[in-house]
Amino acid sequence: MENFTRTVLVRAAVPTLVAGIVATVVAAFVGGAPSAVGAILGTVIVLVFFMVGQFVLATVLHHNPEMALSAALVIYLAKIGLLMLLLFVLQGTTAFDTRAFAFTIVLCTLVWTAAEVWVLAKTKALVVDPANVPEAAQRIADNASNADQ
């Protein structure tokens, strides 16, 4: 696994898990066991959805970096669609508290997204692979840096 993908997964999954644990404790205190079960399920769903999405995106970036934006949008739409389908299927369930479930999903999604944005802002990821820069472009860049000196 690429180092950048590992960094995103660790630095986004850990705060999301912590937020899910906090949500579970609060839900258990406020609504009892059914609320805690809903919060646990919400946390697991967000972690699985976002981790799988990150792995798929990393695979696409490795094989075809030009498709990064398209792949990210398709993955996002697929996650939202699956989540909506899941919420529709579980709408009338009495096995757990759906309000705690939905609240935890929103909370964990916001935490994951904020952590991912933070990682992207702090990590210096190469946009252009220096090994693949054409010779003419490299000469132009060299001439521009020599002119600045």
C-alpha atoms as a PDB file:
ATOM      1  CA  MET A   1       0.000   0.000   0.000  1.00  0.00           C
ATOM      2  CA  GLU A   2       1.236   3.422  -0.886  1.00  0.00           C
ATOM      3  CA  ASN A   3       2.616   5.461   2.012  1.00  0.00           C
ATOM      4  CA  PHE A   4       0.239   8.368   1.352  1.00  0.00           C
ATOM      5  CA  THR A   5      -2.801   6.062   1.406  1.00  0.00           C
ATOM      6  CA  ARG A   6      -1.597   4.535   4.671  1.00  0.00           C
ATOM      7  CA  THR A   7      -1.184   8.019   6.150  1.00  0.00           C
ATOM      8  CA  VAL A   8      -4.704   9.042   5.133  1.00  0.00           C
ATOM      9  CA  LEU A   9      -6.201   5.829   6.484  1.00  0.00           C
ATOM     10  CA  VAL A  10      -4.471   6.012   9.851  1.00  0.00           C
ATOM     11  CA  ARG A  11      -4.937   9.737  10.401  1.00  0.00           C
ATOM     12  CA  ALA A  12      -8.589   9.648   9.362  1.00  0.00           C
ATOM     13  CA  ALA A  13      -9.648   6.291  10.809  1.00  0.00           C
ATOM     14  CA  VAL A  14      -8.301   6.876  14.315  1.00  0.00           C
ATOM     15  CA  PRO A  15     -10.194  10.137  15.010  1.00  0.00           C
ATOM     16  CA  THR A  16     -13.291   8.637  13.378  1.00  0.00           C
ATOM     17  CA  LEU A  17     -13.082   5.613  15.655  1.00  0.00           C
ATOM     18  CA  VAL A  18     -12.637   7.880  18.688  1.00  0.00           C
ATOM     19  CA  ALA A  19     -15.678   9.937  17.621  1.00  0.00           C
ATOM     20  CA  GLY A  20     -17.657   6.719  17.194  1.00  0.00           C
ATOM     21  CA  ILE A  21     -16.670   5.511  20.663  1.00  0.00           C
ATOM     22  CA  VAL A  22     -17.682   8.848  22.184  1.00  0.00           C
ATOM     23  CA  ALA A  23     -20.990   8.735  20.280  1.00  0.00           C
ATOM     24  CA  THR A  24     -21.574   5.177  21.493  1.00  0.00           C
ATOM     25  CA  VAL A  25     -20.950   6.106  25.134  1.00  0.00           C
ATOM     26  CA  VAL A  26     -23.247   9.145  24.877  1.00  0.00           C
ATOM     27  CA  ALA A  27     -25.923   7.096  23.081  1.00  0.00           C
ATOM     28  CA  ALA A  28     -25.727   4.353  25.720  1.00  0.00           C
ATOM     29  CA  PHE A  29     -26.060   6.924  28.485  1.00  0.00           C
ATOM     30  CA  VAL A  30     -28.973   8.737  26.842  1.00  0.00           C
ATOM     31  CA  GLY A  31     -30.887   5.898  25.182  1.00  0.00           C
ATOM     32  CA  GLY A  32     -29.589   2.643  26.581  1.00  0.00           C
ATOM     33  CA  ALA A  33     -28.481  -0.468  24.744  1.00  0.00           C
ATOM     34  CA  PRO A  34     -30.502   0.034  21.520  1.00  0.00           C
ATOM     35  CA  SER A  35     -28.927   3.466  21.051  1.00  0.00           C
ATOM     36  CA  ALA A  36     -25.444   2.088  21.713  1.00  0.00           C
ATOM     37  CA  VAL A  37     -25.996  -0.641  19.111  1.00  0.00           C
ATOM     38  CA  GLY A  38     -27.133   1.977  16.583  1.00  0.00           C
ATOM     39  CA  ALA A  39     -24.050   4.103  17.281  1.00  0.00           C
ATOM     40  CA  ILE A  40     -21.721   1.112  16.941  1.00  0.00           C
ATOM     41  CA  LEU A  41     -23.313   0.129  13.620  1.00  0.00           C
ATOM     42  CA  GLY A  42     -23.057   3.720  12.364  1.00  0.00           C
ATOM     43  CA  THR A  43     -19.383   3.870  13.267  1.00  0.00           C
ATOM     44  CA  VAL A  44     -18.593   0.558  11.585  1.00  0.00           C
ATOM     45  CA  ILE A  45     -20.469   1.525   8.423  1.00  0.00           C
ATOM     46  CA  VAL A  46     -18.614   4.834   8.077  1.00  0.00           C
ATOM     47  CA  LEU A  47     -15.229   3.223   8.713  1.00  0.00           C
ATOM     48  CA  VAL A  48     -15.863   0.434   6.206  1.00  0.00           C
ATOM     49  CA  PHE A  49     -17.298   2.753   3.519  1.00  0.00           C
ATOM     50  CA  PHE A  50     -14.489   5.280   3.746  1.00  0.00           C
ATOM     51  CA  MET A  51     -11.663   2.751   4.057  1.00  0.00           C
ATOM     52  CA  VAL A  52     -12.880   0.745   1.065  1.00  0.00           C
ATOM     53  CA  GLY A  53     -13.311   3.980  -0.881  1.00  0.00           C
ATOM     54  CA  GLN A  54      -9.748   5.023  -0.038  1.00  0.00           C
ATOM     55  CA  PHE A  55      -8.361   1.650  -1.160  1.00  0.00           C
ATOM     56  CA  VAL A  56     -10.294   1.798  -4.436  1.00  0.00           C
ATOM     57  CA  LEU A  57      -9.140   5.361  -5.091  1.00  0.00           C
ATOM     58  CA  ALA A  58      -5.518   4.421  -4.332  1.00  0.00           C
ATOM     59  CA  THR A  59      -5.768   1.545  -6.797  1.00  0.00           C
ATOM     60  CA  VAL A  60      -7.162   3.813  -9.505  1.00  0.00           C
ATOM     61  CA  LEU A  61      -4.473   6.420  -8.839  1.00  0.00           C
ATOM     62  CA  HIS A  62      -1.765   3.774  -9.063  1.00  0.00           C
ATOM     63  CA  HIS A  63      -2.959   2.414 -12.403  1.00  0.00           C
ATOM     64  CA  ASN A  64      -4.465   5.508 -14.047  1.00  0.00           C
ATOM     65  CA  PRO A  65      -3.743   8.832 -12.286  1.00  0.00           C
ATOM     66  CA  GLU A  66      -5.595  10.795 -14.963  1.00  0.00           C
ATOM     67  CA  MET A  67      -8.857   9.287 -13.716  1.00  0.00           C
ATOM     68  CA  ALA A  68      -8.411  10.538 -10.134  1.00  0.00           C
ATOM     69  CA  LEU A  69     -11.200  13.124 -10.093  1.00  0.00           C
ATOM     70  CA  SER A  70     -13.658  10.952 -12.002  1.00  0.00           C
ATOM     71  CA  ALA A  71     -12.929   7.973  -9.777  1.00  0.00           C
ATOM     72  CA  ALA A  72     -13.266  10.040  -6.603  1.00  0.00           C
ATOM     73  CA  LEU A  73     -16.649  11.371  -7.733  1.00  0.00           C
ATOM     74  CA  VAL A  74     -17.926   7.918  -8.701  1.00  0.00           C
ATOM     75  CA  ILE A  75     -16.742   6.448  -5.402  1.00  0.00           C
ATOM     76  CA  TYR A  76     -18.423   9.295  -3.487  1.00  0.00           C
ATOM     77  CA  LEU A  77     -21.705   8.843  -5.359  1.00  0.00           C
ATOM     78  CA  ALA A  78     -21.574   5.078  -4.808  1.00  0.00           C
ATOM     79  CA  LYS A  79     -21.029   5.550  -1.060  1.00  0.00           C
ATOM     80  CA  ILE A  80     -23.911   8.023  -0.807  1.00  0.00           C
ATOM     81  CA  GLY A  81     -26.167   5.742  -2.862  1.00  0.00           C
ATOM     82  CA  LEU A  82     -25.342   2.683  -0.753  1.00  0.00           C
ATOM     83  CA  LEU A  83     -25.844   4.654   2.437  1.00  0.00           C
ATOM     84  CA  MET A  84     -29.242   5.922   1.259  1.00  0.00           C
ATOM     85  CA  LEU A  85     -30.235   2.369   0.309  1.00  0.00           C
ATOM     86  CA  LEU A  86     -29.090   1.109   3.699  1.00  0.00           C
ATOM     87  CA  LEU A  87     -31.027   3.827   5.538  1.00  0.00           C
ATOM     88  CA  PHE A  88     -34.128   3.044   3.455  1.00  0.00           C
ATOM     89  CA  VAL A  89     -33.886  -0.691   4.202  1.00  0.00           C
ATOM     90  CA  LEU A  90     -33.320  -0.097   7.933  1.00  0.00           C
ATOM     91  CA  GLN A  91     -35.964   2.643   8.200  1.00  0.00           C
ATOM     92  CA  GLY A  92     -38.482   0.780  10.317  1.00  0.00           C
ATOM     93  CA  THR A  93     -36.142  -1.425  12.318  1.00  0.00           C
ATOM     94  CA  THR A  94     -36.625  -1.901  16.021  1.00  0.00           C
ATOM     95  CA  ALA A  95     -33.335  -3.779  16.511  1.00  0.00           C
ATOM     96  CA  PHE A  96     -31.533  -0.525  17.342  1.00  0.00           C
ATOM     97  CA  ASP A  97     -32.146   3.192  17.714  1.00  0.00           C
ATOM     98  CA  THR A  98     -32.159   4.690  14.219  1.00  0.00           C
ATOM     99  CA  ARG A  99     -31.679   8.239  15.532  1.00  0.00           C
ATOM    100  CA  ALA A 100     -28.404   7.302  17.259  1.00  0.00           C
ATOM    101  CA  PHE A 101     -27.460   5.371  14.121  1.00  0.00           C
ATOM    102  CA  ALA A 102     -28.037   8.371  11.839  1.00  0.00           C
ATOM    103  CA  PHE A 103     -26.402  10.862  14.232  1.00  0.00           C
ATOM    104  CA  THR A 104     -23.294   8.693  14.503  1.00  0.00           C
ATOM    105  CA  ILE A 105     -23.064   8.303  10.735  1.00  0.00           C
ATOM    106  CA  VAL A 106     -23.198  12.083  10.274  1.00  0.00           C
ATOM    107  CA  LEU A 107     -20.694  12.699  13.090  1.00  0.00           C
ATOM    108  CA  CYS A 108     -18.209  10.077  11.900  1.00  0.00           C
ATOM    109  CA  THR A 109     -18.513  11.231   8.282  1.00  0.00           C
ATOM    110  CA  LEU A 110     -17.725  14.811   9.300  1.00  0.00           C
ATOM    111  CA  VAL A 111     -14.773  13.697  11.429  1.00  0.00           C
ATOM    112  CA  TRP A 112     -13.367  11.482   8.653  1.00  0.00           C
ATOM    113  CA  THR A 113     -13.754  14.264   6.070  1.00  0.00           C
ATOM    114  CA  ALA A 114     -12.133  16.879   8.315  1.00  0.00           C
ATOM    115  CA  ALA A 115      -9.236  14.535   9.114  1.00  0.00           C
ATOM    116  CA  GLU A 116      -8.753  13.700   5.441  1.00  0.00           C
ATOM    117  CA  VAL A 117      -8.725  17.387   4.485  1.00  0.00           C
ATOM    118  CA  TRP A 118      -6.215  18.058   7.272  1.00  0.00           C
ATOM    119  CA  VAL A 119      -3.946  15.254   6.008  1.00  0.00           C
ATOM    120  CA  LEU A 120      -4.155  16.534   2.444  1.00  0.00           C
ATOM    121  CA  ALA A 121      -3.352  20.086   3.587  1.00  0.00           C
ATOM    122  CA  LYS A 122      -0.344  18.989   5.667  1.00  0.00           C
ATOM    123  CA  THR A 123       1.107  16.361   3.334  1.00  0.00           C
ATOM    124  CA  LYS A 124       3.330  17.430   0.497  1.00  0.00           C
ATOM    125  CA  ALA A 125       2.219  15.049  -2.240  1.00  0.00           C
ATOM    126  CA  LEU A 126       3.876  15.286  -5.646  1.00  0.00           C
ATOM    127  CA  VAL A 127       1.500  16.335  -8.381  1.00  0.00           C
ATOM    128  CA  VAL A 128       4.018  15.611 -11.130  1.00  0.00           C
ATOM    129  CA  ASP A 129       6.320  12.602 -11.063  1.00  0.00           C
ATOM    130  CA  PRO A 130       9.813  14.030 -11.767  1.00  0.00           C
ATOM    131  CA  ALA A 131      10.857  10.780 -13.442  1.00  0.00           C
ATOM    132  CA  ASN A 132       8.189  11.262 -16.133  1.00  0.00           C
ATOM    133  CA  VAL A 133       8.869  14.902 -17.007  1.00  0.00           C
ATOM    134  CA  PRO A 134       9.736  15.165 -20.713  1.00  0.00           C
ATOM    135  CA  GLU A 135      13.257  16.347 -21.525  1.00  0.00           C
ATOM    136  CA  ALA A 136      12.084  19.600 -23.181  1.00  0.00           C
ATOM    137  CA  ALA A 137       9.975  20.529 -20.156  1.00  0.00           C
ATOM    138  CA  GLN A 138      12.895  19.778 -17.854  1.00  0.00           C
ATOM    139  CA  ARG A 139      15.204  22.065 -19.903  1.00  0.00           C
ATOM    140  CA  ILE A 140      12.645  24.884 -19.702  1.00  0.00           C
ATOM    141  CA  ALA A 141      12.354  24.436 -15.933  1.00  0.00           C
ATOM    142  CA  ASP A 142      16.143  24.381 -15.576  1.00  0.00           C
ATOM    143  CA  ASN A 143      16.522  27.526 -17.682  1.00  0.00           C
ATOM    144  CA  ALA A 144      13.845  29.323 -15.640  1.00  0.00           C
ATOM    145  CA  SER A 145      15.550  28.417 -12.354  1.00  0.00           C
ATOM    146  CA  ASN A 146      18.958  29.512 -13.731  1.00  0.00           C
ATOM    147  CA  ALA A 147      17.482  32.838 -14.865  1.00  0.00           C
ATOM    148  CA  ASP A 148      16.160  33.478 -11.332  1.00  0.00           C
ATOM    149  CA  GLN A 149      19.646  33.135  -9.869  1.00  0.00           C
END
